[in-house]
Amino acid sequence: MSNIRINLGKAWPEGKAPLLALNAAIADSGLDRGLVDLINIRASQINQCAFCLDIHTKDARAAGETEQRIYALSAWRETSFFTDEERAVLALTEEITLVADGGVDDEVFAEAAKLFDEATLGKVIMAIIAINAWNRLGVTQRLPVGGYQPAAAAG
């Protein structure tokens, strides 16, 4: 896909601003950057948002994530590459992203609640919600893919 449908940042910047503020709040919340990267990539895989996958895989690599873990992310249950906390976050990411498939499973939620305090769990949930909103924007707008460079690499 190459033709952008609409740039909502230009069409309605006041509508995009709260999502940018949510991203900033998540970034400043103290939530582990690696967890946010995994959330962003996994939700973007499920939602088939190429624009977000381009951004978040590049950001994750720039922050030190390994190629091996990124490549295996869609099959995370079949590897030993991820910690218990990461596995709980990935399971919760899938449940929230696919909420129309039956809601958020009680066991998945309980496992995450066992591993994280309530404040951290709240941050994880909001990070999942945020990327799902961005994925829907990316897919709907059909933004061009491939040109993004992480800030660390842009210098």
N, C-alpha and C. Protein backbone atom coordinates (compact mmCIF):
# COMPACT_ATOMS: atom_id res chain seq x y z
N MET A 1 0.85 -1.19 0.00
CA MET A 1 0.00 0.00 0.00
C MET A 1 0.88 1.24 0.00
N SER A 2 0.54 2.18 -0.84
CA SER A 2 1.41 3.34 -0.92
C SER A 2 0.66 4.67 -0.84
N ASN A 3 -0.61 4.68 -1.06
CA ASN A 3 -1.33 5.94 -1.09
C ASN A 3 -1.96 6.24 0.26
N ILE A 4 -1.46 7.30 0.90
CA ILE A 4 -2.04 7.72 2.16
C ILE A 4 -3.49 8.14 1.93
N ARG A 5 -4.35 7.70 2.82
CA ARG A 5 -5.76 8.06 2.71
C ARG A 5 -6.03 9.43 3.33
N ILE A 6 -5.51 9.59 4.56
CA ILE A 6 -5.74 10.82 5.30
C ILE A 6 -4.65 10.94 6.35
N ASN A 7 -4.22 12.14 6.62
CA ASN A 7 -3.29 12.38 7.71
C ASN A 7 -4.09 13.04 8.82
N LEU A 8 -4.47 12.26 9.80
CA LEU A 8 -5.33 12.77 10.86
C LEU A 8 -4.64 13.80 11.75
N GLY A 9 -3.32 13.76 11.79
CA GLY A 9 -2.59 14.79 12.52
C GLY A 9 -2.76 16.17 11.91
N LYS A 10 -2.95 16.20 10.60
CA LYS A 10 -3.22 17.46 9.90
C LYS A 10 -4.72 17.74 9.83
N ALA A 11 -5.50 16.70 9.59
CA ALA A 11 -6.94 16.88 9.44
C ALA A 11 -7.60 17.32 10.74
N TRP A 12 -7.13 16.75 11.88
CA TRP A 12 -7.71 17.10 13.18
C TRP A 12 -6.66 16.96 14.26
N PRO A 13 -5.73 17.91 14.35
CA PRO A 13 -4.63 17.81 15.32
C PRO A 13 -5.11 17.75 16.77
N GLU A 14 -6.24 18.40 17.05
CA GLU A 14 -6.78 18.37 18.42
C GLU A 14 -7.22 16.97 18.82
N GLY A 15 -7.57 16.15 17.84
CA GLY A 15 -7.95 14.77 18.13
C GLY A 15 -6.74 13.87 18.39
N LYS A 16 -5.64 14.17 17.72
CA LYS A 16 -4.43 13.38 17.90
C LYS A 16 -3.69 13.76 19.17
N ALA A 17 -3.83 14.98 19.61
CA ALA A 17 -3.08 15.48 20.77
C ALA A 17 -3.26 14.64 22.04
N PRO A 18 -4.47 14.20 22.38
CA PRO A 18 -4.60 13.38 23.59
C PRO A 18 -3.86 12.04 23.50
N LEU A 19 -3.78 11.47 22.31
CA LEU A 19 -3.02 10.22 22.15
C LEU A 19 -1.54 10.47 22.32
N LEU A 20 -1.06 11.59 21.81
CA LEU A 20 0.34 11.95 22.02
C LEU A 20 0.62 12.17 23.51
N ALA A 21 -0.32 12.80 24.20
CA ALA A 21 -0.17 13.02 25.65
C ALA A 21 -0.17 11.68 26.40
N LEU A 22 -1.01 10.74 25.98
CA LEU A 22 -1.03 9.42 26.60
C LEU A 22 0.31 8.73 26.40
N ASN A 23 0.85 8.79 25.18
CA ASN A 23 2.18 8.21 24.92
C ASN A 23 3.24 8.83 25.82
N ALA A 24 3.20 10.13 25.98
CA ALA A 24 4.18 10.82 26.83
C ALA A 24 4.02 10.38 28.28
N ALA A 25 2.78 10.24 28.73
CA ALA A 25 2.54 9.79 30.11
C ALA A 25 3.07 8.38 30.33
N ILE A 26 2.87 7.51 29.36
CA ILE A 26 3.39 6.15 29.45
C ILE A 26 4.92 6.17 29.48
N ALA A 27 5.52 6.95 28.61
CA ALA A 27 6.99 7.03 28.55
C ALA A 27 7.57 7.57 29.86
N ASP A 28 6.85 8.48 30.52
CA ASP A 28 7.31 9.09 31.76
C ASP A 28 6.85 8.35 33.01
N SER A 29 6.12 7.25 32.84
CA SER A 29 5.49 6.56 33.98
C SER A 29 6.44 5.67 34.77
N GLY A 30 7.59 5.39 34.22
CA GLY A 30 8.50 4.45 34.87
C GLY A 30 8.29 3.01 34.45
N LEU A 31 7.31 2.77 33.59
CA LEU A 31 7.09 1.43 33.06
C LEU A 31 8.30 1.03 32.23
N ASP A 32 8.76 -0.19 32.42
CA ASP A 32 9.94 -0.68 31.73
C ASP A 32 9.82 -0.51 30.22
N ARG A 33 10.81 0.13 29.63
CA ARG A 33 10.80 0.41 28.19
C ARG A 33 10.73 -0.88 27.37
N GLY A 34 11.41 -1.92 27.83
CA GLY A 34 11.38 -3.20 27.12
C GLY A 34 9.99 -3.80 27.07
N LEU A 35 9.24 -3.66 28.17
CA LEU A 35 7.86 -4.16 28.17
C LEU A 35 7.01 -3.38 27.18
N VAL A 36 7.18 -2.07 27.15
CA VAL A 36 6.42 -1.24 26.22
C VAL A 36 6.75 -1.63 24.78
N ASP A 37 8.01 -1.87 24.50
CA ASP A 37 8.40 -2.29 23.15
C ASP A 37 7.71 -3.60 22.78
N LEU A 38 7.71 -4.57 23.68
CA LEU A 38 7.05 -5.85 23.39
C LEU A 38 5.56 -5.67 23.16
N ILE A 39 4.93 -4.87 23.99
CA ILE A 39 3.50 -4.56 23.82
C ILE A 39 3.26 -3.95 22.45
N ASN A 40 4.05 -2.95 22.10
CA ASN A 40 3.85 -2.23 20.84
C ASN A 40 4.03 -3.14 19.63
N ILE A 41 5.04 -3.98 19.68
CA ILE A 41 5.28 -4.87 18.54
C ILE A 41 4.21 -5.94 18.46
N ARG A 42 3.89 -6.58 19.58
CA ARG A 42 2.93 -7.70 19.52
C ARG A 42 1.54 -7.22 19.11
N ALA A 43 1.06 -6.13 19.66
CA ALA A 43 -0.25 -5.62 19.25
C ALA A 43 -0.24 -5.22 17.78
N SER A 44 0.85 -4.62 17.33
CA SER A 44 0.95 -4.20 15.93
C SER A 44 0.99 -5.39 14.99
N GLN A 45 1.60 -6.50 15.42
CA GLN A 45 1.56 -7.73 14.62
C GLN A 45 0.12 -8.22 14.48
N ILE A 46 -0.58 -8.30 15.59
CA ILE A 46 -1.95 -8.79 15.58
C ILE A 46 -2.84 -7.91 14.71
N ASN A 47 -2.67 -6.60 14.84
CA ASN A 47 -3.49 -5.64 14.10
C ASN A 47 -3.00 -5.39 12.68
N GLN A 48 -1.90 -6.02 12.33
CA GLN A 48 -1.32 -5.90 10.98
C GLN A 48 -1.08 -4.45 10.58
N CYS A 49 -0.50 -3.71 11.52
CA CYS A 49 -0.17 -2.31 11.25
C CYS A 49 1.30 -2.21 10.87
N ALA A 50 1.56 -2.20 9.57
CA ALA A 50 2.93 -2.15 9.08
C ALA A 50 3.65 -0.87 9.50
N PHE A 51 2.94 0.24 9.52
CA PHE A 51 3.53 1.51 9.92
C PHE A 51 4.05 1.42 11.34
N CYS A 52 3.23 0.91 12.26
CA CYS A 52 3.64 0.79 13.67
C CYS A 52 4.72 -0.27 13.84
N LEU A 53 4.64 -1.36 13.10
CA LEU A 53 5.69 -2.38 13.18
C LEU A 53 7.04 -1.79 12.77
N ASP A 54 7.05 -1.00 11.72
CA ASP A 54 8.29 -0.37 11.27
C ASP A 54 8.87 0.49 12.39
N ILE A 55 8.05 1.31 12.99
CA ILE A 55 8.50 2.20 14.06
C ILE A 55 8.98 1.40 15.27
N HIS A 56 8.15 0.51 15.75
CA HIS A 56 8.42 -0.11 17.05
C HIS A 56 9.49 -1.18 17.01
N THR A 57 9.66 -1.85 15.89
CA THR A 57 10.79 -2.79 15.81
C THR A 57 12.11 -2.02 15.74
N LYS A 58 12.12 -0.92 15.03
CA LYS A 58 13.33 -0.10 14.95
C LYS A 58 13.65 0.52 16.32
N ASP A 59 12.63 1.04 17.00
CA ASP A 59 12.85 1.60 18.34
C ASP A 59 13.35 0.54 19.31
N ALA A 60 12.77 -0.65 19.25
CA ALA A 60 13.17 -1.73 20.16
C ALA A 60 14.63 -2.11 19.91
N ARG A 61 15.01 -2.24 18.66
CA ARG A 61 16.41 -2.57 18.34
C ARG A 61 17.34 -1.46 18.83
N ALA A 62 16.96 -0.21 18.61
CA ALA A 62 17.79 0.91 19.05
C ALA A 62 17.94 0.93 20.57
N ALA A 63 16.94 0.40 21.28
CA ALA A 63 16.98 0.35 22.76
C ALA A 63 17.67 -0.91 23.27
N GLY A 64 18.12 -1.77 22.36
CA GLY A 64 18.86 -2.95 22.78
C GLY A 64 18.14 -4.28 22.67
N GLU A 65 16.91 -4.27 22.18
CA GLU A 65 16.20 -5.55 22.00
C GLU A 65 16.92 -6.37 20.94
N THR A 66 16.90 -7.69 21.09
CA THR A 66 17.61 -8.56 20.15
C THR A 66 16.72 -8.91 18.95
N GLU A 67 17.39 -9.12 17.85
CA GLU A 67 16.70 -9.57 16.63
C GLU A 67 15.97 -10.88 16.91
N GLN A 68 16.63 -11.79 17.61
CA GLN A 68 16.06 -13.10 17.86
C GLN A 68 14.71 -12.99 18.57
N ARG A 69 14.64 -12.16 19.60
CA ARG A 69 13.38 -12.01 20.33
C ARG A 69 12.31 -11.32 19.47
N ILE A 70 12.71 -10.34 18.70
CA ILE A 70 11.75 -9.66 17.83
C ILE A 70 11.19 -10.65 16.81
N TYR A 71 12.06 -11.45 16.20
CA TYR A 71 11.61 -12.42 15.19
C TYR A 71 10.70 -13.48 15.80
N ALA A 72 10.94 -13.85 17.04
CA ALA A 72 10.16 -14.92 17.69
C ALA A 72 8.91 -14.41 18.39
N LEU A 73 8.69 -13.13 18.37
CA LEU A 73 7.61 -12.55 19.18
C LEU A 73 6.23 -13.10 18.84
N SER A 74 5.96 -13.35 17.59
CA SER A 74 4.63 -13.87 17.24
C SER A 74 4.45 -15.32 17.70
N ALA A 75 5.54 -15.98 18.08
CA ALA A 75 5.50 -17.35 18.60
C ALA A 75 6.10 -17.41 20.00
N TRP A 76 5.89 -16.40 20.79
CA TRP A 76 6.53 -16.27 22.10
C TRP A 76 6.25 -17.45 23.03
N ARG A 77 5.09 -18.05 22.91
CA ARG A 77 4.76 -19.20 23.77
C ARG A 77 5.66 -20.40 23.49
N GLU A 78 6.23 -20.46 22.31
CA GLU A 78 7.03 -21.61 21.88
C GLU A 78 8.52 -21.43 22.15
N THR A 79 8.91 -20.35 22.84
CA THR A 79 10.33 -20.09 23.10
C THR A 79 10.58 -19.94 24.59
N SER A 80 11.84 -19.95 24.94
CA SER A 80 12.25 -19.66 26.31
C SER A 80 12.89 -18.27 26.40
N PHE A 81 12.67 -17.45 25.39
CA PHE A 81 13.34 -16.15 25.29
C PHE A 81 12.76 -15.07 26.21
N PHE A 82 11.57 -15.31 26.76
CA PHE A 82 10.87 -14.26 27.48
C PHE A 82 10.68 -14.63 28.95
N THR A 83 10.80 -13.62 29.81
CA THR A 83 10.63 -13.81 31.26
C THR A 83 9.16 -14.07 31.59
N ASP A 84 8.90 -14.49 32.82
CA ASP A 84 7.51 -14.67 33.25
C ASP A 84 6.72 -13.37 33.15
N GLU A 85 7.35 -12.27 33.53
CA GLU A 85 6.67 -10.98 33.45
C GLU A 85 6.36 -10.60 32.00
N GLU A 86 7.32 -10.82 31.12
CA GLU A 86 7.09 -10.52 29.71
C GLU A 86 6.00 -11.41 29.13
N ARG A 87 6.00 -12.67 29.52
CA ARG A 87 4.98 -13.60 29.03
C ARG A 87 3.58 -13.17 29.50
N ALA A 88 3.49 -12.73 30.74
CA ALA A 88 2.20 -12.25 31.26
C ALA A 88 1.74 -11.02 30.50
N VAL A 89 2.66 -10.12 30.21
CA VAL A 89 2.32 -8.90 29.45
C VAL A 89 1.92 -9.24 28.02
N LEU A 90 2.63 -10.17 27.40
CA LEU A 90 2.27 -10.56 26.04
C LEU A 90 0.90 -11.23 25.99
N ALA A 91 0.61 -12.09 26.96
CA ALA A 91 -0.71 -12.73 27.01
C ALA A 91 -1.80 -11.68 27.21
N LEU A 92 -1.58 -10.73 28.11
CA LEU A 92 -2.56 -9.68 28.34
C LEU A 92 -2.71 -8.79 27.10
N THR A 93 -1.61 -8.51 26.42
CA THR A 93 -1.66 -7.73 25.18
C THR A 93 -2.56 -8.42 24.16
N GLU A 94 -2.39 -9.71 24.01
CA GLU A 94 -3.22 -10.45 23.05
C GLU A 94 -4.69 -10.43 23.46
N GLU A 95 -4.97 -10.61 24.74
CA GLU A 95 -6.35 -10.62 25.22
C GLU A 95 -7.04 -9.27 24.99
N ILE A 96 -6.35 -8.19 25.32
CA ILE A 96 -6.94 -6.86 25.16
C ILE A 96 -7.05 -6.49 23.69
N THR A 97 -6.04 -6.84 22.89
CA THR A 97 -6.07 -6.53 21.46
C THR A 97 -7.18 -7.28 20.76
N LEU A 98 -7.42 -8.50 21.19
CA LEU A 98 -8.45 -9.35 20.58
C LEU A 98 -9.70 -9.42 21.46
N VAL A 99 -10.03 -8.34 22.12
CA VAL A 99 -11.11 -8.31 23.10
C VAL A 99 -12.45 -8.78 22.51
N ALA A 100 -12.66 -8.58 21.23
CA ALA A 100 -13.91 -9.01 20.60
C ALA A 100 -14.03 -10.53 20.52
N ASP A 101 -12.93 -11.24 20.74
CA ASP A 101 -12.95 -12.70 20.70
C ASP A 101 -13.39 -13.34 22.02
N GLY A 102 -13.91 -12.56 22.93
CA GLY A 102 -14.42 -13.14 24.17
C GLY A 102 -14.00 -12.42 25.42
N GLY A 103 -13.47 -11.24 25.28
CA GLY A 103 -13.09 -10.48 26.46
C GLY A 103 -11.70 -10.83 26.95
N VAL A 104 -11.36 -10.34 28.13
CA VAL A 104 -10.07 -10.60 28.74
C VAL A 104 -10.24 -11.77 29.71
N ASP A 105 -9.52 -12.84 29.44
CA ASP A 105 -9.61 -14.06 30.23
C ASP A 105 -9.20 -13.81 31.68
N ASP A 106 -9.98 -14.33 32.63
CA ASP A 106 -9.69 -14.13 34.05
C ASP A 106 -8.33 -14.68 34.45
N GLU A 107 -7.95 -15.83 33.92
CA GLU A 107 -6.65 -16.43 34.27
C GLU A 107 -5.49 -15.58 33.75
N VAL A 108 -5.62 -15.05 32.56
CA VAL A 108 -4.58 -14.20 32.00
C VAL A 108 -4.44 -12.94 32.84
N PHE A 109 -5.57 -12.34 33.21
CA PHE A 109 -5.53 -11.14 34.03
C PHE A 109 -4.94 -11.45 35.40
N ALA A 110 -5.36 -12.55 36.01
CA ALA A 110 -4.87 -12.93 37.34
C ALA A 110 -3.36 -13.16 37.34
N GLU A 111 -2.84 -13.77 36.28
CA GLU A 111 -1.40 -13.99 36.20
C GLU A 111 -0.65 -12.66 36.15
N ALA A 112 -1.14 -11.73 35.37
CA ALA A 112 -0.50 -10.41 35.31
C ALA A 112 -0.62 -9.69 36.65
N ALA A 113 -1.78 -9.79 37.29
CA ALA A 113 -1.99 -9.14 38.59
C ALA A 113 -1.11 -9.76 39.67
N LYS A 114 -0.76 -11.01 39.52
CA LYS A 114 0.13 -11.69 40.47
C LYS A 114 1.57 -11.19 40.34
N LEU A 115 1.97 -10.83 39.13
CA LEU A 115 3.35 -10.46 38.86
C LEU A 115 3.63 -8.96 38.97
N PHE A 116 2.57 -8.14 38.89
CA PHE A 116 2.73 -6.69 38.91
C PHE A 116 1.84 -6.07 39.97
N ASP A 117 2.33 -4.99 40.59
CA ASP A 117 1.46 -4.26 41.50
C ASP A 117 0.39 -3.53 40.68
N GLU A 118 -0.61 -3.03 41.36
CA GLU A 118 -1.76 -2.45 40.66
C GLU A 118 -1.36 -1.25 39.78
N ALA A 119 -0.46 -0.41 40.27
CA ALA A 119 -0.05 0.75 39.48
C ALA A 119 0.67 0.31 38.20
N THR A 120 1.56 -0.65 38.31
CA THR A 120 2.28 -1.13 37.13
C THR A 120 1.32 -1.81 36.17
N LEU A 121 0.41 -2.61 36.70
CA LEU A 121 -0.58 -3.26 35.85
C LEU A 121 -1.43 -2.23 35.12
N GLY A 122 -1.80 -1.16 35.80
CA GLY A 122 -2.56 -0.09 35.16
C GLY A 122 -1.78 0.55 34.01
N LYS A 123 -0.48 0.73 34.21
CA LYS A 123 0.37 1.30 33.15
C LYS A 123 0.47 0.34 31.97
N VAL A 124 0.60 -0.95 32.25
CA VAL A 124 0.65 -1.95 31.17
C VAL A 124 -0.64 -1.91 30.37
N ILE A 125 -1.77 -1.89 31.05
CA ILE A 125 -3.07 -1.88 30.36
C ILE A 125 -3.20 -0.62 29.51
N MET A 126 -2.82 0.52 30.04
CA MET A 126 -2.92 1.75 29.26
C MET A 126 -1.97 1.74 28.06
N ALA A 127 -0.79 1.13 28.21
CA ALA A 127 0.12 1.01 27.07
C ALA A 127 -0.49 0.14 25.98
N ILE A 128 -1.16 -0.93 26.38
CA ILE A 128 -1.83 -1.81 25.41
C ILE A 128 -2.96 -1.06 24.70
N ILE A 129 -3.73 -0.33 25.45
CA ILE A 129 -4.82 0.45 24.86
C ILE A 129 -4.28 1.51 23.90
N ALA A 130 -3.20 2.16 24.30
CA ALA A 130 -2.62 3.21 23.46
C ALA A 130 -2.16 2.65 22.11
N ILE A 131 -1.41 1.56 22.11
CA ILE A 131 -0.91 1.04 20.83
C ILE A 131 -2.06 0.54 19.97
N ASN A 132 -3.09 0.01 20.58
CA ASN A 132 -4.24 -0.41 19.77
C ASN A 132 -4.90 0.79 19.10
N ALA A 133 -4.96 1.92 19.78
CA ALA A 133 -5.49 3.13 19.15
C ALA A 133 -4.59 3.57 18.00
N TRP A 134 -3.27 3.58 18.23
CA TRP A 134 -2.34 3.96 17.17
C TRP A 134 -2.40 3.00 15.98
N ASN A 135 -2.54 1.70 16.26
CA ASN A 135 -2.66 0.73 15.17
C ASN A 135 -3.86 1.03 14.30
N ARG A 136 -4.97 1.35 14.92
CA ARG A 136 -6.18 1.64 14.16
C ARG A 136 -6.01 2.90 13.32
N LEU A 137 -5.30 3.87 13.88
CA LEU A 137 -5.00 5.08 13.10
C LEU A 137 -4.08 4.76 11.93
N GLY A 138 -3.04 3.98 12.19
CA GLY A 138 -2.08 3.66 11.14
C GLY A 138 -2.71 2.90 10.00
N VAL A 139 -3.52 1.89 10.33
CA VAL A 139 -4.16 1.08 9.29
C VAL A 139 -5.18 1.92 8.51
N THR A 140 -5.95 2.72 9.22
CA THR A 140 -6.97 3.53 8.57
C THR A 140 -6.37 4.60 7.67
N GLN A 141 -5.32 5.26 8.15
CA GLN A 141 -4.70 6.34 7.37
C GLN A 141 -3.88 5.81 6.20
N ARG A 142 -3.38 4.58 6.34
CA ARG A 142 -2.49 3.98 5.35
C ARG A 142 -1.25 4.87 5.16
N LEU A 143 -0.58 5.13 6.28
CA LEU A 143 0.62 5.95 6.25
C LEU A 143 1.77 5.20 5.59
N PRO A 144 2.69 5.91 4.94
CA PRO A 144 3.80 5.25 4.25
C PRO A 144 4.75 4.58 5.24
N VAL A 145 5.23 3.42 4.86
CA VAL A 145 6.06 2.59 5.72
C VAL A 145 7.51 2.59 5.23
N GLY A 146 8.44 2.62 6.16
CA GLY A 146 9.83 2.40 5.82
C GLY A 146 10.76 3.56 6.07
N GLY A 147 10.25 4.75 6.18
CA GLY A 147 11.12 5.91 6.31
C GLY A 147 11.52 6.28 7.73
N TYR A 148 10.89 5.66 8.71
CA TYR A 148 11.15 6.03 10.11
C TYR A 148 12.56 5.63 10.55
N GLN A 149 13.21 6.53 11.29
CA GLN A 149 14.49 6.23 11.92
C GLN A 149 14.38 6.63 13.39
N PRO A 150 14.80 5.76 14.29
CA PRO A 150 14.77 6.10 15.72
C PRO A 150 15.60 7.34 16.01
N ALA A 151 15.21 8.09 17.01
CA ALA A 151 15.93 9.31 17.36
C ALA A 151 17.40 9.05 17.63
N ALA A 152 17.71 7.94 18.29
CA ALA A 152 19.10 7.61 18.61
C ALA A 152 19.93 7.38 17.34
N ALA A 153 19.29 6.86 16.30
CA ALA A 153 20.00 6.56 15.06
C ALA A 153 19.96 7.71 14.07
N ALA A 154 19.09 8.67 14.30
CA ALA A 154 18.90 9.76 13.33
C ALA A 154 20.06 10.75 13.36
N GLY A 155 20.72 10.89 14.53
CA GLY A 155 21.78 11.87 14.73
C GLY A 155 22.73 11.92 13.65
